PDB file of N, CA and C in Angstrom:
ATOM      1  N   UNK A   1     -28.512 190.144 -19.644  1.00  0.00           N
ATOM      2  CA  UNK A   1     -29.663 189.311 -19.650  1.00  0.00           C
ATOM      3  C   UNK A   1     -30.502 189.496 -20.873  1.00  0.00           C
ATOM      4  N   UNK A   2     -30.810 190.564 -21.198  1.00  0.00           N
ATOM      5  CA  UNK A   2     -31.893 190.841 -22.264  1.00  0.00           C
ATOM      6  C   UNK A   2     -31.228 189.899 -23.610  1.00  0.00           C
ATOM      7  N   UNK A   3     -29.884 189.840 -23.673  1.00  0.00           N
ATOM      8  CA  UNK A   3     -29.433 189.086 -25.013  1.00  0.00           C
ATOM      9  C   UNK A   3     -29.923 187.671 -24.691  1.00  0.00           C
ATOM     10  N   UNK A   4     -29.564 187.249 -23.509  1.00  0.00           N
ATOM     11  CA  UNK A   4     -30.022 185.856 -23.297  1.00  0.00           C
ATOM     12  C   UNK A   4     -31.335 185.440 -23.212  1.00  0.00           C
ATOM     13  N   UNK A   5     -32.293 186.426 -22.853  1.00  0.00           N
ATOM     14  CA  UNK A   5     -33.514 186.410 -23.095  1.00  0.00           C
ATOM     15  C   UNK A   5     -34.020 186.145 -24.563  1.00  0.00           C
ATOM     16  N   UNK A   6     -33.646 187.209 -25.383  1.00  0.00           N
ATOM     17  CA  UNK A   6     -33.869 187.376 -26.708  1.00  0.00           C
ATOM     18  C   UNK A   6     -33.447 185.872 -27.415  1.00  0.00           C
ATOM     19  N   UNK A   7     -32.178 185.205 -27.148  1.00  0.00           N
ATOM     20  CA  UNK A   7     -31.854 183.987 -27.642  1.00  0.00           C
ATOM     21  C   UNK A   7     -32.872 183.274 -27.407  1.00  0.00           C
ATOM     22  N   UNK A   8     -32.991 182.698 -25.982  1.00  0.00           N
ATOM     23  CA  UNK A   8     -33.904 181.804 -25.658  1.00  0.00           C
ATOM     24  C   UNK A   8     -35.431 182.021 -26.154  1.00  0.00           C
ATOM     25  N   UNK A   9     -35.713 183.164 -26.364  1.00  0.00           N
ATOM     26  CA  UNK A   9     -37.242 183.577 -27.085  1.00  0.00           C
ATOM     27  C   UNK A   9     -37.116 183.007 -28.485  1.00  0.00           C
ATOM     28  N   UNK A  10     -35.862 183.117 -29.062  1.00  0.00           N
ATOM     29  CA  UNK A  10     -35.879 182.680 -30.708  1.00  0.00           C
ATOM     30  C   UNK A  10     -35.805 181.535 -30.807  1.00  0.00           C
ATOM     31  N   UNK A  11     -35.199 180.757 -29.890  1.00  0.00           N
ATOM     32  CA  UNK A  11     -35.255 179.266 -29.755  1.00  0.00           C
ATOM     33  C   UNK A  11     -36.388 178.701 -29.692  1.00  0.00           C
ATOM     34  N   UNK A  12     -37.234 179.307 -28.630  1.00  0.00           N
ATOM     35  CA  UNK A  12     -38.520 178.959 -28.405  1.00  0.00           C
ATOM     36  C   UNK A  12     -39.606 179.128 -29.599  1.00  0.00           C
ATOM     37  N   UNK A  13     -39.350 180.219 -30.395  1.00  0.00           N
ATOM     38  CA  UNK A  13     -40.232 180.529 -31.368  1.00  0.00           C
ATOM     39  C   UNK A  13     -39.835 179.521 -32.664  1.00  0.00           C
ATOM     40  N   UNK A  14     -38.456 179.232 -32.903  1.00  0.00           N
ATOM     41  CA  UNK A  14     -38.175 178.185 -33.827  1.00  0.00           C
ATOM     42  C   UNK A  14     -38.744 176.891 -33.286  1.00  0.00           C
ATOM     43  N   UNK A  15     -38.880 176.353 -32.253  1.00  0.00           N
ATOM     44  CA  UNK A  15     -39.375 175.199 -31.881  1.00  0.00           C
ATOM     45  C   UNK A  15     -41.075 175.156 -31.966  1.00  0.00           C
ATOM     46  N   UNK A  16     -41.527 176.088 -31.634  1.00  0.00           N
ATOM     47  CA  UNK A  16     -42.952 176.440 -32.025  1.00  0.00           C
ATOM     48  C   UNK A  16     -43.380 176.196 -33.428  1.00  0.00           C
ATOM     49  N   UNK A  17     -42.582 176.867 -34.300  1.00  0.00           N
ATOM     50  CA  UNK A  17     -42.470 176.739 -36.026  1.00  0.00           C
ATOM     51  C   UNK A  17     -42.451 175.500 -36.155  1.00  0.00           C
ATOM     52  N   UNK A  18     -41.457 174.603 -35.762  1.00  0.00           N
ATOM     53  CA  UNK A  18     -41.296 173.249 -36.310  1.00  0.00           C
ATOM     54  C   UNK A  18     -42.390 172.460 -35.796  1.00  0.00           C
ATOM     55  N   UNK A  19     -43.049 172.711 -34.437  1.00  0.00           N
ATOM     56  CA  UNK A  19     -44.052 171.990 -34.246  1.00  0.00           C
ATOM     57  C   UNK A  19     -45.397 172.231 -34.796  1.00  0.00           C
ATOM     58  N   UNK A  20     -45.655 173.581 -35.362  1.00  0.00           N
ATOM     59  CA  UNK A  20     -46.830 173.808 -36.101  1.00  0.00           C
ATOM     60  C   UNK A  20     -46.604 173.116 -37.496  1.00  0.00           C
ATOM     61  N   UNK A  21     -45.349 173.230 -37.934  1.00  0.00           N
ATOM     62  CA  UNK A  21     -44.876 172.649 -39.437  1.00  0.00           C
ATOM     63  C   UNK A  21     -45.199 170.976 -39.286  1.00  0.00           C
ATOM     64  N   UNK A  22     -44.805 170.422 -38.350  1.00  0.00           N
ATOM     65  CA  UNK A  22     -45.238 168.966 -38.087  1.00  0.00           C
ATOM     66  C   UNK A  22     -46.749 168.649 -38.080  1.00  0.00           C
ATOM     67  N   UNK A  23     -47.519 169.554 -37.275  1.00  0.00           N
ATOM     68  CA  UNK A  23     -48.968 169.369 -37.048  1.00  0.00           C
ATOM     69  C   UNK A  23     -49.612 169.582 -38.295  1.00  0.00           C
ATOM     70  N   UNK A  24     -49.138 170.446 -39.138  1.00  0.00           N
ATOM     71  CA  UNK A  24     -49.487 170.701 -40.427  1.00  0.00           C
ATOM     72  C   UNK A  24     -49.235 169.294 -41.402  1.00  0.00           C
ATOM     73  N   UNK A  25     -48.169 169.149 -41.440  1.00  0.00           N
ATOM     74  CA  UNK A  25     -47.922 167.868 -42.221  1.00  0.00           C
ATOM     75  C   UNK A  25     -49.025 166.626 -41.735  1.00  0.00           C
ATOM     76  N   UNK A  26     -49.237 166.505 -40.417  1.00  0.00           N
ATOM     77  CA  UNK A  26     -50.114 165.304 -40.049  1.00  0.00           C
ATOM     78  C   UNK A  26     -51.428 165.458 -40.732  1.00  0.00           C
ATOM     79  N   UNK A  27     -51.972 166.966 -40.505  1.00  0.00           N
ATOM     80  CA  UNK A  27     -53.205 167.136 -41.092  1.00  0.00           C
ATOM     81  C   UNK A  27     -53.371 166.928 -42.662  1.00  0.00           C
ATOM     82  N   UNK A  28     -52.071 167.356 -43.246  1.00  0.00           N
ATOM     83  CA  UNK A  28     -51.865 167.035 -44.707  1.00  0.00           C
ATOM     84  C   UNK A  28     -52.107 165.299 -45.008  1.00  0.00           C
ATOM     85  N   UNK A  29     -51.486 164.568 -44.199  1.00  0.00           N
ATOM     86  CA  UNK A  29     -51.483 163.275 -44.388  1.00  0.00           C
ATOM     87  C   UNK A  29     -52.922 162.802 -44.028  1.00  0.00           C
ATOM     88  N   UNK A  30     -53.643 163.362 -42.774  1.00  0.00           N
ATOM     89  CA  UNK A  30     -54.914 162.677 -42.740  1.00  0.00           C
ATOM     90  C   UNK A  30     -55.894 163.167 -43.738  1.00  0.00           C
ATOM     91  N   UNK A  31     -55.673 164.313 -44.469  1.00  0.00           N
ATOM     92  CA  UNK A  31     -56.549 164.775 -45.621  1.00  0.00           C
ATOM     93  C   UNK A  31     -56.187 163.969 -46.758  1.00  0.00           C
ATOM     94  N   UNK A  32     -55.084 163.316 -47.028  1.00  0.00           N
ATOM     95  CA  UNK A  32     -54.764 162.372 -48.304  1.00  0.00           C
ATOM     96  C   UNK A  32     -55.985 161.222 -48.342  1.00  0.00           C
ATOM     97  N   UNK A  33     -56.094 160.217 -47.244  1.00  0.00           N
ATOM     98  CA  UNK A  33     -56.799 159.234 -47.369  1.00  0.00           C
ATOM     99  C   UNK A  33     -58.481 159.616 -47.768  1.00  0.00           C
ATOM    100  N   UNK A  34     -58.987 160.785 -47.470  1.00  0.00           N
ATOM    101  CA  UNK A  34     -60.210 161.325 -47.898  1.00  0.00           C
ATOM    102  C   UNK A  34     -60.182 161.469 -49.020  1.00  0.00           C
ATOM    103  N   UNK A  35     -59.102 162.037 -49.684  1.00  0.00           N
ATOM    104  CA  UNK A  35     -58.792 162.517 -50.980  1.00  0.00           C
ATOM    105  C   UNK A  35     -59.172 161.126 -51.866  1.00  0.00           C
ATOM    106  N   UNK A  36     -58.207 160.110 -51.263  1.00  0.00           N
ATOM    107  CA  UNK A  36     -58.395 158.875 -51.994  1.00  0.00           C
ATOM    108  C   UNK A  36     -59.685 158.167 -52.154  1.00  0.00           C
ATOM    109  N   UNK A  37     -60.444 158.137 -51.036  1.00  0.00           N
ATOM    110  CA  UNK A  37     -61.718 157.751 -50.845  1.00  0.00           C
ATOM    111  C   UNK A  37     -62.569 158.584 -51.864  1.00  0.00           C
ATOM    112  N   UNK A  38     -62.369 159.727 -51.850  1.00  0.00           N
ATOM    113  CA  UNK A  38     -63.226 160.617 -53.002  1.00  0.00           C
ATOM    114  C   UNK A  38     -63.127 160.023 -54.415  1.00  0.00           C
ATOM    115  N   UNK A  39     -61.891 159.780 -54.792  1.00  0.00           N
ATOM    116  CA  UNK A  39     -61.499 159.339 -55.955  1.00  0.00           C
ATOM    117  C   UNK A  39     -62.098 157.982 -56.246  1.00  0.00           C
ATOM    118  N   UNK A  40     -61.998 157.151 -55.341  1.00  0.00           N
ATOM    119  CA  UNK A  40     -62.544 155.811 -55.443  1.00  0.00           C
ATOM    120  C   UNK A  40     -64.016 155.972 -55.933  1.00  0.00           C
ATOM    121  N   UNK A  41     -64.811 156.872 -55.331  1.00  0.00           N
ATOM    122  CA  UNK A  41     -66.182 156.946 -55.253  1.00  0.00           C
ATOM    123  C   UNK A  41     -66.513 157.635 -56.575  1.00  0.00           C
ATOM    124  N   UNK A  42     -65.616 158.474 -57.249  1.00  0.00           N
ATOM    125  CA  UNK A  42     -65.808 158.974 -58.532  1.00  0.00           C
ATOM    126  C   UNK A  42     -65.627 157.979 -59.535  1.00  0.00           C
ATOM    127  N   UNK A  43     -64.529 156.982 -59.411  1.00  0.00           N
ATOM    128  CA  UNK A  43     -64.370 155.831 -60.298  1.00  0.00           C
ATOM    129  C   UNK A  43     -65.499 154.876 -60.480  1.00  0.00           C
ATOM    130  N   UNK A  44     -66.162 154.825 -59.017  1.00  0.00           N
ATOM    131  CA  UNK A  44     -67.123 153.739 -59.098  1.00  0.00           C
ATOM    132  C   UNK A  44     -68.417 154.292 -59.657  1.00  0.00           C
ATOM    133  N   UNK A  45     -68.522 155.788 -59.506  1.00  0.00           N
ATOM    134  CA  UNK A  45     -69.654 156.535 -60.283  1.00  0.00           C
ATOM    135  C   UNK A  45     -69.476 156.281 -61.743  1.00  0.00           C
ATOM    136  N   UNK A  46     -68.314 156.610 -62.271  1.00  0.00           N
ATOM    137  CA  UNK A  46     -68.022 156.325 -63.616  1.00  0.00           C
ATOM    138  C   UNK A  46     -68.550 154.869 -64.092  1.00  0.00           C
ATOM    139  N   UNK A  47     -68.052 154.118 -63.396  1.00  0.00           N
ATOM    140  CA  UNK A  47     -68.428 152.699 -63.716  1.00  0.00           C
ATOM    141  C   UNK A  47     -69.883 152.457 -63.787  1.00  0.00           C
ATOM    142  N   UNK A  48     -70.595 152.882 -63.042  1.00  0.00           N
ATOM    143  CA  UNK A  48     -71.921 152.561 -62.688  1.00  0.00           C
ATOM    144  C   UNK A  48     -72.661 153.484 -64.100  1.00  0.00           C
ATOM    145  N   UNK A  49     -72.040 154.603 -64.475  1.00  0.00           N
ATOM    146  CA  UNK A  49     -72.647 155.293 -65.506  1.00  0.00           C
ATOM    147  C   UNK A  49     -72.272 154.340 -66.816  1.00  0.00           C
ATOM    148  N   UNK A  50     -71.233 153.934 -66.934  1.00  0.00           N
ATOM    149  CA  UNK A  50     -70.822 153.107 -68.030  1.00  0.00           C
ATOM    150  C   UNK A  50     -71.636 152.037 -68.139  1.00  0.00           C
ATOM    151  N   UNK A  51     -71.998 151.102 -67.127  1.00  0.00           N
ATOM    152  CA  UNK A  51     -73.005 150.134 -66.948  1.00  0.00           C
ATOM    153  C   UNK A  51     -74.160 150.381 -67.243  1.00  0.00           C
ATOM    154  N   UNK A  52     -74.843 151.515 -67.223  1.00  0.00           N
ATOM    155  CA  UNK A  52     -76.110 151.981 -67.504  1.00  0.00           C
ATOM    156  C   UNK A  52     -75.955 152.076 -69.084  1.00  0.00           C
TER     157      UNK A  52
END
């Protein structure tokens, strides 16, 4: 029964690892738009500096 318990535990830990990896990818994806908006604001700032 101990072996069965170990197997089920390893399955569970693998599942939780996959879940954390997926949530990490999601947070990375949500972080991308903010980086894009930052680049845009930097570009608009350069343009205003050039127009001056």
